[in-house]
Amino acid sequence: MAGVAVVGVPDPKRAEQVAAFVRPAPGQTPAPGELFAYCREHLAPHKTPRYRTVLEEFPQTPSGKIQKFVLREGFLAQGPDVAIRAEGSDIAAATPPAS
């Protein structure tokens, strides 16, 4: 992975869920199931991102900081029914596989 940014997104049951935005290294395409498995192996269940989104570039400030509020707003603009998409355009979220 070239980079990851994590933000909280609203959830009706738990107030917020974790959403991870992944920018893969050039030439790599991470599989959603592979990302979920890696996170479950290394993180507690409540810290595992519920949504994983693959982006080509992060929105950044002129000084190079990731604009997490832009990531969150883009995610929320997708509406309440976030669809699974293997290839990301601007914002493409994946729900975790059934346990």
N, C-alpha and C. Protein backbone atom coordinates (compact mmCIF):
# COMPACT_ATOMS: atom_id res chain seq x y z
N MET A 1 0.83 -1.17 0.00
CA MET A 1 0.00 0.00 0.00
C MET A 1 0.88 1.25 0.00
N ALA A 2 0.45 2.23 -0.73
CA ALA A 2 1.17 3.50 -0.76
C ALA A 2 0.67 4.42 0.34
N GLY A 3 -0.60 4.29 0.75
CA GLY A 3 -1.12 5.14 1.81
C GLY A 3 -2.53 4.76 2.21
N VAL A 4 -2.88 5.11 3.44
CA VAL A 4 -4.22 4.85 3.97
C VAL A 4 -4.63 6.03 4.83
N ALA A 5 -5.90 6.43 4.70
CA ALA A 5 -6.49 7.45 5.57
C ALA A 5 -7.77 6.85 6.15
N VAL A 6 -8.01 7.08 7.42
CA VAL A 6 -9.16 6.50 8.11
C VAL A 6 -10.02 7.63 8.68
N VAL A 7 -11.35 7.51 8.47
CA VAL A 7 -12.29 8.49 9.01
C VAL A 7 -13.48 7.77 9.61
N GLY A 8 -14.19 8.46 10.48
CA GLY A 8 -15.44 7.94 11.02
C GLY A 8 -16.60 8.38 10.15
N VAL A 9 -17.54 7.46 9.91
CA VAL A 9 -18.75 7.78 9.14
C VAL A 9 -19.96 7.38 9.99
N PRO A 10 -21.07 8.08 9.83
CA PRO A 10 -22.25 7.81 10.66
C PRO A 10 -22.76 6.38 10.51
N ASP A 11 -23.26 5.84 11.62
CA ASP A 11 -23.84 4.51 11.65
C ASP A 11 -25.07 4.56 12.56
N PRO A 12 -26.22 4.05 12.10
CA PRO A 12 -27.43 4.13 12.93
C PRO A 12 -27.34 3.32 14.22
N LYS A 13 -26.59 2.23 14.24
CA LYS A 13 -26.49 1.40 15.44
C LYS A 13 -25.42 1.88 16.42
N ARG A 14 -24.26 2.21 15.89
CA ARG A 14 -23.11 2.48 16.76
C ARG A 14 -22.64 3.92 16.74
N ALA A 15 -23.41 4.82 16.23
CA ALA A 15 -23.06 6.25 16.10
C ALA A 15 -22.06 6.47 14.97
N GLU A 16 -20.94 5.73 14.96
CA GLU A 16 -19.97 5.84 13.87
C GLU A 16 -19.36 4.48 13.57
N GLN A 17 -18.95 4.33 12.31
CA GLN A 17 -18.18 3.17 11.85
C GLN A 17 -16.89 3.69 11.24
N VAL A 18 -15.92 2.81 11.08
CA VAL A 18 -14.64 3.17 10.51
C VAL A 18 -14.67 2.97 9.00
N ALA A 19 -14.20 3.97 8.27
CA ALA A 19 -14.06 3.87 6.82
C ALA A 19 -12.59 4.13 6.48
N ALA A 20 -11.97 3.21 5.74
CA ALA A 20 -10.58 3.36 5.34
C ALA A 20 -10.51 3.68 3.85
N PHE A 21 -9.68 4.65 3.51
CA PHE A 21 -9.45 5.03 2.13
C PHE A 21 -8.03 4.63 1.79
N VAL A 22 -7.89 3.75 0.80
CA VAL A 22 -6.60 3.14 0.47
C VAL A 22 -6.12 3.67 -0.87
N ARG A 23 -4.87 4.08 -0.91
CA ARG A 23 -4.22 4.47 -2.16
C ARG A 23 -3.14 3.43 -2.41
N PRO A 24 -3.38 2.49 -3.35
CA PRO A 24 -2.40 1.42 -3.58
C PRO A 24 -1.14 1.93 -4.27
N ALA A 25 -0.09 1.16 -4.12
CA ALA A 25 1.16 1.47 -4.82
C ALA A 25 0.92 1.32 -6.32
N PRO A 26 1.68 2.02 -7.14
CA PRO A 26 1.50 1.93 -8.59
C PRO A 26 1.56 0.47 -9.08
N GLY A 27 0.58 0.12 -9.91
CA GLY A 27 0.53 -1.22 -10.48
C GLY A 27 -0.12 -2.27 -9.60
N GLN A 28 -0.59 -1.91 -8.43
CA GLN A 28 -1.23 -2.86 -7.53
C GLN A 28 -2.71 -2.54 -7.40
N THR A 29 -3.52 -3.60 -7.29
CA THR A 29 -4.95 -3.46 -7.05
C THR A 29 -5.32 -4.40 -5.91
N PRO A 30 -5.56 -3.87 -4.71
CA PRO A 30 -5.90 -4.74 -3.58
C PRO A 30 -7.31 -5.30 -3.71
N ALA A 31 -7.46 -6.56 -3.36
CA ALA A 31 -8.78 -7.19 -3.36
C ALA A 31 -9.49 -6.82 -2.06
N PRO A 32 -10.80 -6.46 -2.13
CA PRO A 32 -11.52 -6.10 -0.91
C PRO A 32 -11.46 -7.17 0.18
N GLY A 33 -11.59 -8.43 -0.19
CA GLY A 33 -11.52 -9.51 0.80
C GLY A 33 -10.15 -9.61 1.44
N GLU A 34 -9.12 -9.35 0.67
CA GLU A 34 -7.75 -9.40 1.18
C GLU A 34 -7.52 -8.28 2.20
N LEU A 35 -8.02 -7.09 1.89
CA LEU A 35 -7.90 -5.98 2.84
C LEU A 35 -8.64 -6.28 4.14
N PHE A 36 -9.85 -6.82 4.03
CA PHE A 36 -10.63 -7.15 5.22
C PHE A 36 -9.91 -8.21 6.06
N ALA A 37 -9.39 -9.24 5.41
CA ALA A 37 -8.69 -10.31 6.13
C ALA A 37 -7.45 -9.77 6.85
N TYR A 38 -6.71 -8.90 6.20
CA TYR A 38 -5.51 -8.32 6.81
C TYR A 38 -5.89 -7.50 8.05
N CYS A 39 -6.92 -6.67 7.90
CA CYS A 39 -7.36 -5.84 9.03
C CYS A 39 -7.86 -6.70 10.20
N ARG A 40 -8.61 -7.74 9.91
CA ARG A 40 -9.14 -8.61 10.98
C ARG A 40 -8.01 -9.33 11.70
N GLU A 41 -6.95 -9.66 10.98
CA GLU A 41 -5.81 -10.35 11.58
C GLU A 41 -5.03 -9.42 12.53
N HIS A 42 -4.99 -8.13 12.20
CA HIS A 42 -4.15 -7.20 12.94
C HIS A 42 -4.90 -6.23 13.85
N LEU A 43 -6.23 -6.16 13.74
CA LEU A 43 -7.01 -5.20 14.52
C LEU A 43 -8.14 -5.88 15.29
N ALA A 44 -8.57 -5.23 16.35
CA ALA A 44 -9.74 -5.70 17.09
C ALA A 44 -10.97 -5.56 16.20
N PRO A 45 -12.01 -6.38 16.42
CA PRO A 45 -13.20 -6.32 15.56
C PRO A 45 -13.80 -4.92 15.44
N HIS A 46 -13.88 -4.18 16.55
CA HIS A 46 -14.49 -2.86 16.49
C HIS A 46 -13.61 -1.81 15.81
N LYS A 47 -12.34 -2.12 15.60
CA LYS A 47 -11.43 -1.21 14.93
C LYS A 47 -11.25 -1.54 13.45
N THR A 48 -11.76 -2.68 13.03
CA THR A 48 -11.65 -3.08 11.62
C THR A 48 -12.56 -2.20 10.78
N PRO A 49 -12.02 -1.58 9.72
CA PRO A 49 -12.85 -0.71 8.89
C PRO A 49 -14.05 -1.45 8.30
N ARG A 50 -15.21 -0.90 8.51
CA ARG A 50 -16.44 -1.46 7.95
C ARG A 50 -16.48 -1.23 6.44
N TYR A 51 -15.92 -0.10 6.02
CA TYR A 51 -15.89 0.25 4.60
C TYR A 51 -14.45 0.49 4.19
N ARG A 52 -14.11 -0.01 3.01
CA ARG A 52 -12.78 0.20 2.45
C ARG A 52 -12.94 0.75 1.05
N THR A 53 -12.27 1.84 0.78
CA THR A 53 -12.40 2.54 -0.49
C THR A 53 -11.02 2.69 -1.13
N VAL A 54 -10.93 2.35 -2.39
CA VAL A 54 -9.67 2.48 -3.12
C VAL A 54 -9.71 3.77 -3.94
N LEU A 55 -8.68 4.59 -3.76
CA LEU A 55 -8.56 5.87 -4.48
C LEU A 55 -7.23 5.93 -5.20
N GLU A 56 -7.20 6.65 -6.30
CA GLU A 56 -5.93 6.85 -7.00
C GLU A 56 -5.10 7.93 -6.31
N GLU A 57 -5.75 8.97 -5.81
CA GLU A 57 -5.08 10.06 -5.11
C GLU A 57 -5.93 10.54 -3.93
N PHE A 58 -5.27 11.01 -2.90
CA PHE A 58 -5.98 11.61 -1.78
C PHE A 58 -6.17 13.11 -2.05
N PRO A 59 -7.30 13.68 -1.63
CA PRO A 59 -7.42 15.13 -1.70
C PRO A 59 -6.46 15.72 -0.65
N GLN A 60 -5.65 16.69 -1.08
CA GLN A 60 -4.64 17.23 -0.18
C GLN A 60 -4.66 18.75 -0.15
N THR A 61 -4.18 19.28 0.95
CA THR A 61 -3.99 20.72 1.08
C THR A 61 -2.72 21.09 0.30
N PRO A 62 -2.49 22.38 0.06
CA PRO A 62 -1.25 22.78 -0.61
C PRO A 62 0.02 22.32 0.12
N SER A 63 -0.09 22.13 1.43
CA SER A 63 1.09 21.67 2.19
C SER A 63 1.21 20.15 2.22
N GLY A 64 0.27 19.43 1.57
CA GLY A 64 0.39 17.98 1.45
C GLY A 64 -0.37 17.17 2.48
N LYS A 65 -1.16 17.80 3.33
CA LYS A 65 -1.95 17.06 4.32
C LYS A 65 -3.22 16.51 3.66
N ILE A 66 -3.61 15.30 4.05
CA ILE A 66 -4.82 14.69 3.51
C ILE A 66 -6.04 15.40 4.07
N GLN A 67 -6.96 15.77 3.20
CA GLN A 67 -8.20 16.44 3.61
C GLN A 67 -9.25 15.38 3.93
N LYS A 68 -9.23 14.92 5.18
CA LYS A 68 -10.14 13.85 5.58
C LYS A 68 -11.60 14.27 5.51
N PHE A 69 -11.89 15.54 5.73
CA PHE A 69 -13.27 16.00 5.62
C PHE A 69 -13.79 15.82 4.19
N VAL A 70 -12.93 15.95 3.19
CA VAL A 70 -13.33 15.76 1.80
C VAL A 70 -13.62 14.27 1.55
N LEU A 71 -12.80 13.40 2.11
CA LEU A 71 -13.04 11.95 1.98
C LEU A 71 -14.38 11.59 2.60
N ARG A 72 -14.64 12.10 3.79
CA ARG A 72 -15.90 11.80 4.50
C ARG A 72 -17.10 12.33 3.71
N GLU A 73 -17.01 13.56 3.22
CA GLU A 73 -18.12 14.15 2.46
C GLU A 73 -18.39 13.36 1.18
N GLY A 74 -17.33 12.93 0.50
CA GLY A 74 -17.50 12.11 -0.71
C GLY A 74 -18.14 10.78 -0.42
N PHE A 75 -17.75 10.19 0.69
CA PHE A 75 -18.34 8.92 1.11
C PHE A 75 -19.83 9.10 1.40
N LEU A 76 -20.16 10.13 2.16
CA LEU A 76 -21.56 10.38 2.53
C LEU A 76 -22.41 10.75 1.33
N ALA A 77 -21.82 11.33 0.31
CA ALA A 77 -22.56 11.70 -0.90
C ALA A 77 -23.05 10.47 -1.66
N GLN A 78 -22.48 9.31 -1.36
CA GLN A 78 -22.90 8.07 -2.02
C GLN A 78 -24.28 7.61 -1.54
N GLY A 79 -24.77 8.18 -0.44
CA GLY A 79 -26.09 7.83 0.07
C GLY A 79 -26.03 6.70 1.07
N PRO A 80 -27.20 6.32 1.62
CA PRO A 80 -27.23 5.31 2.67
C PRO A 80 -26.92 3.90 2.19
N ASP A 81 -27.14 3.62 0.92
CA ASP A 81 -26.88 2.28 0.39
C ASP A 81 -25.58 2.31 -0.40
N VAL A 82 -24.46 2.08 0.29
CA VAL A 82 -23.16 2.10 -0.36
C VAL A 82 -22.95 0.78 -1.07
N ALA A 83 -22.73 0.84 -2.36
CA ALA A 83 -22.58 -0.37 -3.17
C ALA A 83 -21.15 -0.88 -3.17
N ILE A 84 -21.02 -2.16 -3.38
CA ILE A 84 -19.70 -2.77 -3.48
C ILE A 84 -19.20 -2.55 -4.92
N ARG A 85 -18.00 -2.03 -5.04
CA ARG A 85 -17.38 -1.84 -6.35
C ARG A 85 -15.94 -2.33 -6.28
N ALA A 86 -15.58 -3.20 -7.17
CA ALA A 86 -14.23 -3.76 -7.15
C ALA A 86 -13.19 -2.71 -7.55
N GLU A 87 -13.47 -1.95 -8.58
CA GLU A 87 -12.55 -0.92 -9.04
C GLU A 87 -13.07 0.43 -8.59
N GLY A 88 -12.23 1.25 -7.98
CA GLY A 88 -12.67 2.54 -7.49
C GLY A 88 -12.63 3.62 -8.54
N SER A 89 -13.66 4.45 -8.56
CA SER A 89 -13.59 5.68 -9.34
C SER A 89 -13.14 6.74 -8.36
N ASP A 90 -13.99 7.68 -8.02
CA ASP A 90 -13.63 8.66 -7.00
C ASP A 90 -13.83 8.08 -5.61
N ILE A 91 -15.04 7.61 -5.34
CA ILE A 91 -15.34 7.01 -4.05
C ILE A 91 -16.02 5.68 -4.33
N ALA A 92 -15.39 4.58 -3.94
CA ALA A 92 -15.96 3.26 -4.14
C ALA A 92 -15.76 2.48 -2.85
N ALA A 93 -16.83 2.13 -2.18
CA ALA A 93 -16.73 1.48 -0.88
C ALA A 93 -17.07 0.02 -0.99
N ALA A 94 -16.50 -0.76 -0.13
CA ALA A 94 -16.79 -2.18 -0.07
C ALA A 94 -17.20 -2.55 1.33
N THR A 95 -18.26 -3.31 1.46
CA THR A 95 -18.68 -3.77 2.77
C THR A 95 -17.91 -5.04 3.07
N PRO A 96 -17.74 -5.40 4.34
CA PRO A 96 -17.00 -6.59 4.68
C PRO A 96 -17.77 -7.84 4.29
N PRO A 97 -17.03 -8.92 3.97
CA PRO A 97 -17.71 -10.17 3.67
C PRO A 97 -18.44 -10.68 4.91
N ALA A 98 -19.49 -11.46 4.69
CA ALA A 98 -20.25 -12.03 5.81
C ALA A 98 -19.35 -12.92 6.63
N SER A 99 -19.43 -12.82 7.95
CA SER A 99 -18.57 -13.62 8.83
C SER A 99 -19.21 -14.94 9.13
